[in-house]
Amino acid sequence: MFRTGLILIALSFLPWLAIPFVPWLPLLNSPTQKASTVTGLIVLAEVLFWFGLLLTGKETWSAIKLHGWKKVPKKIIELIKTSPKK
């Protein structure tokens, strides 16, 4: 469960990276569709992050608070590499 949670946290960054590309998607014609897609991506990112954090536990939250948000991706990758496989 711990490793799954860390992977979900790492995956939560992908929707944030996709948001800048939404205006250039050819399938989305109206501004309403584009806004809805951006909103959906934001919700998806938050759900993945918080569900992953719930699975990993208090230690991960403490590590995130200790190292700051800018270093979260690097710390998550380190935790995935060093976490015990179950």
C-alpha atoms as a PDB file:
ATOM      1  CA  MET A   1       0.000   0.000   0.000  1.00  0.00           C
ATOM      2  CA  PHE A   2       2.831   2.371   0.826  1.00  0.00           C
ATOM      3  CA  ARG A   3       4.435   2.028  -2.574  1.00  0.00           C
ATOM      4  CA  THR A   4       1.061   2.371  -4.339  1.00  0.00           C
ATOM      5  CA  GLY A   5       0.426   5.593  -2.436  1.00  0.00           C
ATOM      6  CA  LEU A   6       3.813   6.982  -3.436  1.00  0.00           C
ATOM      7  CA  ILE A   7       3.165   6.136  -7.066  1.00  0.00           C
ATOM      8  CA  LEU A   8      -0.220   7.895  -6.896  1.00  0.00           C
ATOM      9  CA  ILE A   9       1.449  10.975  -5.437  1.00  0.00           C
ATOM     10  CA  ALA A  10       4.028  10.933  -8.226  1.00  0.00           C
ATOM     11  CA  LEU A  11       1.291  10.496 -10.847  1.00  0.00           C
ATOM     12  CA  SER A  12      -0.605  13.459  -9.416  1.00  0.00           C
ATOM     13  CA  PHE A  13       1.943  15.765 -11.034  1.00  0.00           C
ATOM     14  CA  LEU A  14       1.083  14.630 -14.572  1.00  0.00           C
ATOM     15  CA  PRO A  15      -2.295  16.410 -14.790  1.00  0.00           C
ATOM     16  CA  TRP A  16      -0.615  19.639 -13.686  1.00  0.00           C
ATOM     17  CA  LEU A  17       1.886  19.235 -16.515  1.00  0.00           C
ATOM     18  CA  ALA A  18      -0.930  18.639 -19.026  1.00  0.00           C
ATOM     19  CA  ILE A  19      -2.878  21.818 -18.188  1.00  0.00           C
ATOM     20  CA  PRO A  20      -0.745  24.222 -20.292  1.00  0.00           C
ATOM     21  CA  PHE A  21      -1.392  22.090 -23.383  1.00  0.00           C
ATOM     22  CA  VAL A  22      -5.196  22.083 -23.111  1.00  0.00           C
ATOM     23  CA  PRO A  23      -5.721  25.246 -25.221  1.00  0.00           C
ATOM     24  CA  TRP A  24      -4.033  23.561 -28.197  1.00  0.00           C
ATOM     25  CA  LEU A  25      -6.000  20.315 -28.128  1.00  0.00           C
ATOM     26  CA  PRO A  26      -7.872  20.055 -31.441  1.00  0.00           C
ATOM     27  CA  LEU A  27     -10.751  18.021 -29.965  1.00  0.00           C
ATOM     28  CA  LEU A  28     -11.790  20.825 -27.632  1.00  0.00           C
ATOM     29  CA  ASN A  29     -13.532  23.493 -29.669  1.00  0.00           C
ATOM     30  CA  SER A  30     -15.290  25.767 -27.204  1.00  0.00           C
ATOM     31  CA  PRO A  31     -13.855  27.672 -24.240  1.00  0.00           C
ATOM     32  CA  THR A  32     -16.352  25.830 -22.040  1.00  0.00           C
ATOM     33  CA  GLN A  33     -14.883  22.463 -23.029  1.00  0.00           C
ATOM     34  CA  LYS A  34     -11.371  23.719 -22.377  1.00  0.00           C
ATOM     35  CA  ALA A  35     -12.320  25.134 -18.972  1.00  0.00           C
ATOM     36  CA  SER A  36     -14.065  21.898 -18.060  1.00  0.00           C
ATOM     37  CA  THR A  37     -11.008  19.896 -19.055  1.00  0.00           C
ATOM     38  CA  VAL A  38      -8.699  22.077 -16.981  1.00  0.00           C
ATOM     39  CA  THR A  39     -11.065  21.779 -14.014  1.00  0.00           C
ATOM     40  CA  GLY A  40     -11.163  18.003 -14.429  1.00  0.00           C
ATOM     41  CA  LEU A  41      -7.368  17.821 -14.561  1.00  0.00           C
ATOM     42  CA  ILE A  42      -7.067  19.882 -11.385  1.00  0.00           C
ATOM     43  CA  VAL A  43      -9.587  17.685  -9.569  1.00  0.00           C
ATOM     44  CA  LEU A  44      -7.834  14.537 -10.820  1.00  0.00           C
ATOM     45  CA  ALA A  45      -4.449  15.798  -9.625  1.00  0.00           C
ATOM     46  CA  GLU A  46      -5.800  16.641  -6.185  1.00  0.00           C
ATOM     47  CA  VAL A  47      -7.642  13.329  -5.796  1.00  0.00           C
ATOM     48  CA  LEU A  48      -4.559  11.349  -6.804  1.00  0.00           C
ATOM     49  CA  PHE A  49      -2.348  13.314  -4.423  1.00  0.00           C
ATOM     50  CA  TRP A  50      -4.593  13.137  -1.361  1.00  0.00           C
ATOM     51  CA  PHE A  51      -5.551   9.494  -1.894  1.00  0.00           C
ATOM     52  CA  GLY A  52      -1.881   8.617  -2.327  1.00  0.00           C
ATOM     53  CA  LEU A  53      -1.034  10.549   0.814  1.00  0.00           C
ATOM     54  CA  LEU A  54      -3.775   8.705   2.671  1.00  0.00           C
ATOM     55  CA  LEU A  55      -2.261   5.370   1.593  1.00  0.00           C
ATOM     56  CA  THR A  56       1.302   6.323   2.534  1.00  0.00           C
ATOM     57  CA  GLY A  57       0.593   7.669   5.988  1.00  0.00           C
ATOM     58  CA  LYS A  58       1.852  10.315   8.325  1.00  0.00           C
ATOM     59  CA  GLU A  59       5.559   9.743   7.620  1.00  0.00           C
ATOM     60  CA  THR A  60       5.224  10.894   4.027  1.00  0.00           C
ATOM     61  CA  TRP A  61       3.302  14.012   5.011  1.00  0.00           C
ATOM     62  CA  SER A  62       6.037  14.802   7.547  1.00  0.00           C
ATOM     63  CA  ALA A  63       8.704  14.363   4.847  1.00  0.00           C
ATOM     64  CA  ILE A  64       6.799  16.671   2.500  1.00  0.00           C
ATOM     65  CA  LYS A  65       6.440  19.350   5.179  1.00  0.00           C
ATOM     66  CA  LEU A  66      10.090  19.004   6.205  1.00  0.00           C
ATOM     67  CA  HIS A  67      11.584  19.312   2.711  1.00  0.00           C
ATOM     68  CA  GLY A  68       9.086  21.748   1.184  1.00  0.00           C
ATOM     69  CA  TRP A  69       6.838  21.484  -1.852  1.00  0.00           C
ATOM     70  CA  LYS A  70       9.555  22.235  -4.408  1.00  0.00           C
ATOM     71  CA  LYS A  71      11.500  19.133  -3.447  1.00  0.00           C
ATOM     72  CA  VAL A  72       8.475  16.816  -3.272  1.00  0.00           C
ATOM     73  CA  PRO A  73       9.005  15.073  -6.660  1.00  0.00           C
ATOM     74  CA  LYS A  74      12.623  14.235  -5.819  1.00  0.00           C
ATOM     75  CA  LYS A  75      11.748  13.011  -2.326  1.00  0.00           C
ATOM     76  CA  ILE A  76       8.847  10.910  -3.636  1.00  0.00           C
ATOM     77  CA  ILE A  77      11.172   9.198  -6.126  1.00  0.00           C
ATOM     78  CA  GLU A  78      13.665   8.528  -3.323  1.00  0.00           C
ATOM     79  CA  LEU A  79      10.903   7.065  -1.132  1.00  0.00           C
ATOM     80  CA  ILE A  80       9.704   4.834  -3.986  1.00  0.00           C
ATOM     81  CA  LYS A  81      13.229   3.501  -4.513  1.00  0.00           C
ATOM     82  CA  THR A  82      13.871   2.861  -0.818  1.00  0.00           C
ATOM     83  CA  SER A  83      10.417   1.642   0.238  1.00  0.00           C
ATOM     84  CA  PRO A  84      10.125  -2.011   1.144  1.00  0.00           C
ATOM     85  CA  LYS A  85       8.347  -4.170  -1.413  1.00  0.00           C
ATOM     86  CA  LYS A  86       5.372  -6.028  -0.027  1.00  0.00           C
END
